[in-house]
Protein backbone atom coordinates (compact mmCIF):
# COMPACT_ATOMS: atom_id res chain seq x y z
CA MET A 1 -0.02 -0.01 -0.02
CA THR A 2 1.56 3.33 -1.06
CA SER A 3 2.01 6.07 1.53
CA HIS A 4 0.87 9.67 1.00
CA ALA A 5 3.22 12.60 1.50
CA LEU A 6 2.47 14.49 4.69
CA LYS A 7 2.02 18.23 4.43
CA ASN A 8 2.38 18.60 8.20
CA ILE A 9 4.62 16.17 10.12
CA GLY A 10 2.42 14.13 12.53
CA THR A 11 -0.81 14.97 10.78
CA PRO A 12 -2.15 12.14 8.58
CA PRO A 13 -3.71 13.16 5.28
CA PRO A 14 -7.47 13.00 4.95
CA VAL A 15 -8.78 9.83 3.31
CA PRO A 16 -10.62 10.72 0.09
CA ALA A 17 -14.34 9.94 0.37
CA ALA A 18 -14.41 8.66 -3.20
CA LYS A 19 -11.96 5.88 -2.38
CA THR A 20 -13.99 4.52 0.64
CA ALA A 21 -17.45 4.69 -0.91
CA PRO A 22 -17.11 1.71 -3.20
CA SER A 23 -15.85 -0.50 -0.39
CA ASN A 24 -18.78 0.60 1.80
CA ALA A 25 -21.23 0.02 -1.01
CA ARG A 26 -19.82 -3.49 -1.60
CA SER A 27 -20.10 -4.27 2.12
CA ALA A 28 -23.70 -2.99 2.24
CA LYS A 29 -24.63 -5.06 -0.82
CA LEU A 30 -23.12 -8.20 0.75
CA GLY A 31 -25.06 -7.54 3.95
CA ASP A 32 -28.28 -7.09 1.93
CA ILE A 33 -27.70 -10.33 0.07
CA LEU A 34 -27.02 -12.32 3.25
CA ALA A 35 -30.03 -10.83 4.99
CA ALA A 36 -32.33 -11.70 2.08
CA ALA A 37 -30.80 -15.16 1.64
CA THR A 38 -31.16 -15.89 5.36
CA LYS A 39 -34.81 -14.91 5.38
CA LEU A 40 -35.68 -17.02 2.37
CA PHE A 41 -33.59 -20.08 3.25
CA MET A 42 -35.03 -20.16 6.76
CA GLU A 43 -38.58 -19.74 5.53
CA ARG A 44 -38.38 -22.06 2.52
CA GLY A 45 -35.26 -24.18 2.74
CA PHE A 46 -32.59 -24.55 0.08
CA GLY A 47 -34.61 -26.29 -2.68
CA ASP A 48 -37.48 -23.79 -2.76
CA THR A 49 -35.36 -20.67 -2.74
CA SER A 50 -34.09 -19.26 -6.07
CA MET A 51 -31.26 -16.87 -6.69
CA ASP A 52 -33.79 -14.66 -8.56
CA GLU A 53 -35.84 -14.36 -5.38
CA VAL A 54 -32.72 -13.54 -3.34
CA ALA A 55 -31.75 -10.80 -5.80
CA LEU A 56 -35.24 -9.40 -5.73
CA GLN A 57 -35.41 -9.41 -1.92
CA ALA A 58 -31.91 -7.89 -1.66
CA ASN A 59 -32.60 -5.30 -4.36
CA VAL A 60 -29.48 -6.22 -6.31
CA SER A 61 -28.89 -7.92 -9.71
CA LYS A 62 -28.37 -11.59 -9.91
CA ARG A 63 -24.97 -10.84 -11.47
CA THR A 64 -24.01 -9.02 -8.26
CA ILE A 65 -24.77 -12.15 -6.18
CA TYR A 66 -22.74 -14.34 -8.59
CA ASP A 67 -19.82 -11.95 -8.30
CA LYS A 68 -19.69 -12.77 -4.58
CA PHE A 69 -20.92 -16.42 -4.54
CA ALA A 70 -20.09 -19.11 -7.11
CA ASN A 71 -23.53 -20.73 -6.82
CA LYS A 72 -26.58 -21.12 -4.57
CA GLN A 73 -24.82 -23.85 -2.57
CA ALA A 74 -21.98 -21.43 -1.61
CA LEU A 75 -24.52 -18.74 -0.65
CA PHE A 76 -26.43 -21.29 1.43
CA ALA A 77 -23.21 -22.46 3.23
CA GLU A 78 -22.33 -18.85 4.02
CA VAL A 79 -25.74 -18.23 5.58
CA ILE A 80 -25.54 -21.32 7.73
CA GLN A 81 -22.00 -20.54 8.74
CA SER A 82 -22.90 -16.94 9.71
CA LEU A 83 -25.89 -18.13 11.79
CA CYS A 84 -23.81 -20.71 13.54
CA GLU A 85 -21.18 -18.17 14.42
CA LYS A 86 -23.85 -15.93 16.05
CA ILE A 87 -24.56 -18.64 18.62
CA THR A 88 -22.06 -17.65 21.28
CA MET A 89 -21.57 -19.15 24.68
CA PRO A 90 -22.24 -16.98 27.72
CA GLU A 91 -19.43 -16.57 30.23
CA ILE A 92 -21.49 -18.24 32.98
CA LEU A 93 -19.43 -21.43 33.05
CA ILE A 94 -16.09 -19.52 32.94
CA LEU A 95 -16.57 -16.70 35.38
CA ALA A 96 -18.55 -18.65 38.00
CA GLU A 97 -16.19 -21.59 38.43
CA ASP A 98 -16.16 -21.30 42.22
CA ASP A 99 -19.79 -20.57 42.67
CA ASP A 100 -22.41 -23.09 43.78
CA ILE A 101 -22.56 -25.77 41.14
CA GLU A 102 -26.28 -26.14 41.14
CA SER A 103 -26.80 -22.38 40.77
CA VAL A 104 -24.30 -22.19 37.90
CA LEU A 105 -25.89 -25.08 36.02
CA ASN A 106 -29.35 -23.65 36.49
CA ARG A 107 -28.25 -20.31 35.09
CA PHE A 108 -26.64 -22.06 32.09
CA GLY A 109 -29.67 -24.30 31.57
CA VAL A 110 -32.11 -21.32 31.43
CA TRP A 111 -29.83 -19.55 28.93
CA PHE A 112 -29.45 -22.78 26.81
CA LEU A 113 -33.13 -23.57 26.63
CA THR A 114 -34.09 -19.90 25.94
CA GLN A 115 -31.67 -20.05 22.96
CA ILE A 116 -32.69 -23.32 21.43
CA TYR A 117 -36.44 -22.83 21.98
CA SER A 118 -36.36 -19.50 20.20
CA ARG A 119 -38.08 -19.30 16.79
CA ASP A 120 -34.90 -18.30 14.96
CA GLN A 121 -32.92 -21.23 16.40
CA VAL A 122 -35.74 -23.70 15.73
CA SER A 123 -35.90 -22.58 12.13
CA LEU A 124 -32.13 -22.88 11.83
CA PHE A 125 -32.17 -26.44 13.15
CA GLN A 126 -35.12 -27.36 10.89
CA THR A 127 -33.40 -25.99 7.80
CA VAL A 128 -30.09 -27.76 8.56
CA ILE A 129 -31.89 -31.09 9.25
CA ASN A 130 -33.99 -30.82 6.15
CA ASP A 131 -31.12 -30.02 3.81
CA SER A 132 -28.21 -31.85 5.46
CA ARG A 133 -28.98 -35.05 3.54
CA ARG A 134 -28.23 -33.23 0.32
CA PHE A 135 -25.53 -31.03 1.81
CA PRO A 136 -23.90 -32.89 4.71
CA GLU A 137 -21.33 -30.11 5.05
CA ILE A 138 -24.02 -27.78 6.61
CA GLY A 139 -24.82 -30.50 9.11
CA GLU A 140 -21.10 -30.61 9.88
CA MET A 141 -21.00 -26.85 10.43
CA MET A 142 -23.90 -27.09 12.87
CA PHE A 143 -22.65 -30.15 14.77
CA TYR A 144 -19.00 -29.09 15.02
CA GLY A 145 -19.91 -25.45 15.47
CA PRO A 146 -22.48 -24.42 18.11
CA ILE A 147 -23.52 -27.85 19.18
CA ARG A 148 -20.00 -29.06 19.86
CA ARG A 149 -18.89 -25.68 21.38
CA THR A 150 -21.74 -25.80 23.87
CA GLN A 151 -20.97 -29.36 25.01
CA GLU A 152 -17.25 -28.60 25.21
CA ALA A 153 -17.89 -25.57 27.41
CA VAL A 154 -20.03 -27.71 29.71
CA ALA A 155 -17.44 -30.47 29.71
CA ASN A 156 -14.63 -28.07 30.58
CA TYR A 157 -16.69 -26.74 33.49
CA LEU A 158 -17.49 -30.22 34.83
CA ALA A 159 -13.85 -31.26 34.48
CA ALA A 160 -12.79 -28.21 36.47
CA GLN A 161 -15.30 -29.16 39.18
CA GLY A 162 -13.97 -32.73 39.09
CA ARG A 163 -10.40 -31.58 39.66
CA LYS A 164 -11.61 -29.52 42.67
CA GLY A 165 -13.24 -32.66 44.04
CA ARG A 166 -16.68 -31.09 43.90
CA LEU A 167 -18.01 -33.52 41.26
CA ASN A 168 -17.33 -37.16 40.29
CA VAL A 169 -17.16 -37.06 36.47
CA PRO A 170 -14.64 -39.62 35.07
CA ASP A 171 -15.78 -38.74 31.52
CA PRO A 172 -16.61 -34.94 31.38
CA ALA A 173 -17.47 -35.05 27.72
CA MET A 174 -20.03 -37.85 28.17
CA ALA A 175 -21.35 -36.20 31.27
CA ALA A 176 -21.79 -32.88 29.33
CA ALA A 177 -23.64 -34.75 26.54
CA PHE A 178 -26.00 -36.33 29.15
CA LEU A 179 -26.70 -32.99 30.81
CA VAL A 180 -27.39 -31.16 27.60
CA GLY A 181 -29.71 -33.99 26.56
CA MET A 182 -31.54 -33.88 29.86
CA LEU A 183 -32.03 -30.18 29.66
CA LYS A 184 -33.77 -30.40 26.23
CA THR A 185 -36.38 -32.92 27.45
CA ASP A 186 -38.83 -33.63 24.62
CA VAL A 187 -39.79 -30.01 24.12
CA HIS A 188 -36.97 -29.33 21.63
CA MET A 189 -37.97 -32.25 19.48
CA MET A 190 -41.64 -31.15 19.68
CA LEU A 191 -40.66 -27.66 18.32
CA LEU A 192 -38.46 -29.22 15.56
CA LEU A 193 -41.42 -31.31 14.40
CA GLY A 194 -43.55 -28.18 14.00
CA GLN A 195 -45.89 -28.75 16.89
CA PRO A 196 -47.71 -25.77 18.54
CA ARG A 197 -45.38 -23.74 20.74
CA LYS A 198 -48.09 -23.03 23.37
CA ASN A 199 -46.12 -21.63 26.37
CA VAL A 200 -42.84 -23.41 25.83
CA THR A 201 -40.81 -20.82 27.72
CA LYS A 202 -43.17 -20.72 30.69
CA ASP A 203 -41.70 -23.81 32.51
CA ILE A 204 -38.06 -23.50 31.51
CA GLN A 205 -36.83 -22.76 35.02
CA LYS A 206 -38.80 -25.65 36.45
CA ALA A 207 -37.52 -28.04 33.80
CA VAL A 208 -33.95 -26.86 34.21
CA ALA A 209 -34.09 -27.27 38.04
CA ALA A 210 -35.38 -30.81 37.71
CA ALA A 211 -32.75 -31.81 35.15
CA VAL A 212 -29.87 -30.32 37.15
CA LYS A 213 -31.01 -31.97 40.35
CA LEU A 214 -31.22 -35.34 38.65
CA PHE A 215 -27.81 -34.86 37.00
CA LEU A 216 -26.13 -33.77 40.27
CA SER A 217 -27.62 -36.67 42.19
CA GLY A 218 -25.49 -38.97 40.04
CA THR A 219 -22.25 -36.89 39.90
CA ARG A 220 -21.77 -35.44 43.35
CA PRO A 221 -19.05 -37.25 45.35
CA ALA A 222 -20.31 -39.89 47.73
């Protein structure tokens, strides 16, 4: 990158607006494309979404989309990856390592169920499940992305409690998988199968408390 001559030592030259505008415009168009594609893919799935519809929804030409993505598969993969990256772990399990275990796991459980029961997350899971037979790579993104990250965070927490002698967990990874599965109960599957939501968030705290108590009854030291 070439440097500009400075008129005054220590004072950087102004950046010409004309040089930054194209970059900003390209970034805005990419954002519009991804937002439109996300909406359509989540509502209709991969097969029933066309690039023409994405272009219309994003208010760009189809040529603009193909300038950024080789094909619809590449755009779909980018959408799934960006959604997976948005699922970030809270710091509950890291910052509260010395707090009461039951309290920590209850706070984590409420956060976890609130996330996976949300309409956006249910739509994401449904889309991935529906299209992963045709595109197993998106299933891989989901499983080795947010799903695996969540279980690893729980496993690390349980392992730390095991080292302190506060829990008996010979296999933290397996114990984490058990706990996550217990927290989901059958409500998550009900939502994935498109059943009425009713008041699914109403009893989250009650379900979490029951699952955590059951889990700890088998993992606390004798």
